[in-house]
Amino acid sequence: MFFKNGDGTARDTHLHPSIYKKIRITKKLLKSGIDPVEFRFRGGLDLETFKALQIRWRDQNQKNERFKLKLRLKYGSLKMAPISAGPCRKIDPVIGKKNALVLLTEFLDKKSSTKPEFFEDLLFSRGSNRSMRDYYLEASWNQLDINGDVNDEWFISANKRSEYVDKVPISGHYPKAQKLVEETIIQAKNSGNFDFKPYSKDGNIEILIVVYAGEGMDTKLDINYIRAHQDDLKVPIEVQEGIWAKRYCIFLNFLFWNV
């Protein structure tokens, strides 16, 4: 599940409820004057992560307030603004058959022991009642069928994991993590093992998922790990004549163990 941003910035995954509990504990520890070194041992977040999350939410609130001001100036009040002007504007339903491309990548200093077949089964199997495909079939009353493919072997990044970590978003984006996505796409393109046509619609890969080895900010509760998110590449990559990779979502390996 992603936060819905209508301003072209990255969409972050919702944080696990346990993180909000740790945030409340951290606030109490700060008020109590406890040494930040002890925060994690007392059930809170480390101070750096806590501050980074506060900055992120402050930026989101400021964007929301700017958007509200824009509506007030144009329509006189929020109540006078039509639904089509806000985040709840009407969108076409997503139905039909979709093909997703899933690319697995590990780091120079962090490998994965998970076999690609695990993701094939978890995402695209039928009848298991636990796959992504089964979920969307059931939730859509069999109107949305998402099938797809996973690369046979894990790609390997050019750098260590820490090189792809954005501790805080830059202008609403994660440029270092996006670099990992770009490298992975280029490796898939250069491998010669993919025909990208089955995954494309209107010249773009419709569903592109990158899974990286190890844990992330969502599980470690630490900003020194990559945050799962969805975004557009700053510069689209032509993976095949007339077919471009632009929109992507990136997840951590261990997130799938909780599905």
Foldseek 3Di string as FASTA:
>chain_A
DWDDDPPQFWTFDDFDPLQVVQLVQVVVCVVVVHDLVCSVVVSHFRPLLSVQVVVQVVVVVVVVVVLQVVQCVVQVHPVRRDCCSDPNRDDDDDFDEAEEEEAEAEEPPFDAPDFQVVLQCQAADPPPCRHVQPVVCVVVVNGYGYHYDYDRDHHYDPHGQLQQADLHADVRYRVSVVVRVVVRLVCVLVVPPDDQVRQDDQQERDEYEYEYEDDACSPVVHSSGHTWIKHFRPDWDRSDVSHTYTTYTYYYPCVSVVD
